[in-house]
Amino acid sequence: MKLEAAIKQKKFNNEYEKLAVNILYTHGWLFNIQTEIFRKYDITVSQYNILRILRGQYPNPTSVNLLKERMLDKMSDASRLVERLKNKGLVHRKICNEDRRRAEVVVTEKGLDLLEEIDKLSDRFDMLSKNLSKKETQLLNNLLDKMRG
């Protein structure tokens, strides 16, 4: 669907403004799709992001600061997200013996099982492949990387 039709706006000041609006609109579109998928598992997009980071570090523990650095949404409160995941039994958090201010976090077996179940839905995440070829996807990835400089 064309951006103009989706947001009912006929004209933009220039193509750069349209691109910025298009990226924001597309982010919202993807976020809504992911939110719907994760609702079934009683987790948020940000909680999923934390679990994926922890799986990549597994079996090594990870500091909350590392989670903050690697999260997609830099505005998220990683400490609160970890606490919510801990309450669901998806992560284990313990205070570091060497530095009492530092918490170490590791994904639990239950968390790994949840990620494995979500991984089976990869076709839902690959909905982009319906409209973009592999070459177009690579080009778009390169252009977005270039845009961020």
Protein backbone atom coordinates (compact mmCIF):
# COMPACT_ATOMS: atom_id res chain seq x y z
CA MET A 1 0.00 0.00 0.00
CA LYS A 2 1.29 3.44 -0.89
CA LEU A 3 2.14 5.65 2.07
CA GLU A 4 -0.07 8.46 0.81
CA ALA A 5 -3.11 6.18 0.81
CA ALA A 6 -2.25 4.62 4.17
CA ILE A 7 -2.02 7.93 6.03
CA LYS A 8 -4.34 9.88 3.73
CA GLN A 9 -1.77 12.54 2.89
CA LYS A 10 -1.43 13.64 -0.71
CA LYS A 11 1.72 15.73 -0.57
CA PHE A 12 5.02 15.94 1.30
CA ASN A 13 7.46 18.86 1.37
CA ASN A 14 10.10 16.68 -0.30
CA GLU A 15 11.21 13.08 -0.71
CA TYR A 16 13.34 13.21 2.47
CA GLU A 17 10.31 14.14 4.57
CA LYS A 18 8.33 11.38 2.89
CA LEU A 19 11.12 8.89 3.62
CA ALA A 20 11.19 9.82 7.32
CA VAL A 21 7.41 9.45 7.59
CA ASN A 22 7.54 6.20 5.61
CA ILE A 23 10.18 4.69 7.93
CA LEU A 24 8.18 5.71 11.02
CA TYR A 25 4.96 4.34 9.54
CA THR A 26 6.65 1.07 8.55
CA HIS A 27 8.15 0.73 12.03
CA GLY A 28 4.66 1.02 13.51
CA TRP A 29 3.34 -1.54 11.03
CA LEU A 30 6.05 -4.08 11.92
CA PHE A 31 5.69 -3.35 15.65
CA ASN A 32 1.95 -4.03 15.50
CA ILE A 33 2.50 -7.35 13.72
CA GLN A 34 5.07 -8.41 16.31
CA THR A 35 2.90 -7.25 19.20
CA GLU A 36 0.07 -9.45 17.95
CA ILE A 37 2.39 -12.46 17.65
CA PHE A 38 3.91 -12.03 21.13
CA ARG A 39 0.57 -11.36 22.84
CA LYS A 40 -0.13 -15.10 22.57
CA TYR A 41 3.02 -15.74 24.63
CA ASP A 42 2.33 -12.97 27.17
CA ILE A 43 5.52 -11.06 26.32
CA THR A 44 6.22 -7.71 24.70
CA VAL A 45 8.43 -6.89 21.72
CA SER A 46 11.06 -5.47 24.12
CA GLN A 47 10.95 -8.57 26.31
CA TYR A 48 11.43 -10.71 23.20
CA ASN A 49 14.43 -8.56 22.28
CA ILE A 50 15.98 -9.18 25.73
CA LEU A 51 15.36 -12.94 25.45
CA ARG A 52 17.04 -13.05 22.02
CA ILE A 53 20.08 -11.17 23.32
CA LEU A 54 20.33 -13.55 26.28
CA ARG A 55 20.02 -16.59 24.01
CA GLY A 56 22.93 -15.25 21.98
CA GLN A 57 25.03 -15.01 25.15
CA TYR A 58 23.86 -18.34 26.59
CA PRO A 59 25.13 -20.04 28.73
CA ASN A 60 27.18 -17.04 29.85
CA PRO A 61 25.49 -14.50 32.11
CA THR A 62 24.94 -10.99 30.79
CA SER A 63 24.92 -7.67 32.59
CA VAL A 64 21.91 -5.40 32.43
CA ASN A 65 24.21 -2.73 30.96
CA LEU A 66 25.09 -5.01 28.04
CA LEU A 67 21.37 -5.61 27.47
CA LYS A 68 20.78 -1.84 27.40
CA GLU A 69 23.57 -1.39 24.84
CA ARG A 70 22.26 -4.10 22.53
CA MET A 71 18.52 -3.44 22.76
CA LEU A 72 16.76 -2.16 19.66
CA ASP A 73 14.65 0.29 21.66
CA LYS A 74 17.15 2.39 23.58
CA MET A 75 14.31 4.01 25.55
CA SER A 76 13.28 0.72 27.20
CA ASP A 77 14.04 0.18 30.87
CA ALA A 78 16.08 -3.01 30.70
CA SER A 79 16.04 -3.49 34.49
CA ARG A 80 12.24 -3.52 34.61
CA LEU A 81 12.02 -5.78 31.58
CA VAL A 82 14.41 -8.25 33.20
CA GLU A 83 12.35 -8.17 36.41
CA ARG A 84 9.16 -8.95 34.48
CA LEU A 85 10.86 -11.79 32.62
CA LYS A 86 12.21 -13.11 35.94
CA ASN A 87 8.70 -13.07 37.40
CA LYS A 88 7.56 -15.20 34.44
CA GLY A 89 10.41 -17.65 35.01
CA LEU A 90 12.01 -16.84 31.66
CA VAL A 91 15.28 -15.45 33.04
CA HIS A 92 17.35 -15.82 36.18
CA ARG A 93 18.98 -12.75 37.70
CA LYS A 94 21.58 -12.73 40.44
CA ILE A 95 23.73 -10.05 42.01
CA CYS A 96 27.38 -10.26 41.00
CA ASN A 97 29.68 -11.25 43.89
CA GLU A 98 32.49 -8.94 42.73
CA ASP A 99 30.29 -5.84 42.25
CA ARG A 100 27.06 -5.75 44.28
CA ARG A 101 25.67 -3.01 41.99
CA ARG A 102 25.85 -5.30 38.99
CA ALA A 103 23.25 -7.94 38.18
CA GLU A 104 23.98 -10.91 35.94
CA VAL A 105 21.14 -12.28 33.83
CA VAL A 106 20.82 -15.61 32.05
CA VAL A 107 17.91 -17.06 30.09
CA THR A 108 16.26 -20.10 31.72
CA GLU A 109 15.30 -23.36 30.03
CA LYS A 110 11.70 -22.10 30.05
CA GLY A 111 12.88 -18.96 28.23
CA LEU A 112 14.81 -21.00 25.68
CA ASP A 113 11.78 -23.22 25.12
CA LEU A 114 9.61 -20.14 24.54
CA LEU A 115 12.09 -18.76 22.00
CA GLU A 116 12.16 -22.12 20.23
CA GLU A 117 8.37 -22.10 20.01
CA ILE A 118 8.37 -18.54 18.64
CA ASP A 119 11.10 -19.51 16.14
CA LYS A 120 8.61 -21.96 14.60
CA LEU A 121 6.59 -18.91 13.55
CA SER A 122 9.43 -17.58 11.41
CA ASP A 123 7.11 -17.48 8.41
CA ARG A 124 5.10 -14.78 10.21
CA PHE A 125 8.30 -12.74 10.56
CA ASP A 126 9.22 -13.35 6.94
CA MET A 127 6.10 -11.61 5.64
CA LEU A 128 8.38 -9.14 3.89
CA SER A 129 9.41 -11.87 1.47
CA LYS A 130 5.93 -11.73 -0.04
CA ASN A 131 6.56 -8.24 -1.40
CA LEU A 132 10.35 -7.94 -1.65
CA SER A 133 12.83 -10.13 -3.48
CA LYS A 134 16.05 -11.18 -1.76
CA LYS A 135 17.95 -8.66 -3.89
CA GLU A 136 15.51 -5.85 -2.97
CA THR A 137 15.80 -6.81 0.70
CA GLN A 138 19.60 -6.64 0.54
CA LEU A 139 19.40 -3.26 -1.21
CA LEU A 140 16.98 -1.89 1.39
CA ASN A 141 19.20 -3.15 4.23
CA ASN A 142 22.23 -1.48 2.62
CA LEU A 143 20.37 1.78 2.07
CA LEU A 144 19.12 1.89 5.69
CA ASP A 145 22.66 1.20 6.94
CA LYS A 146 23.96 3.96 4.67
CA MET A 147 21.27 6.39 5.85
CA ARG A 148 22.38 5.94 9.47
CA GLY A 149 25.95 6.63 8.35
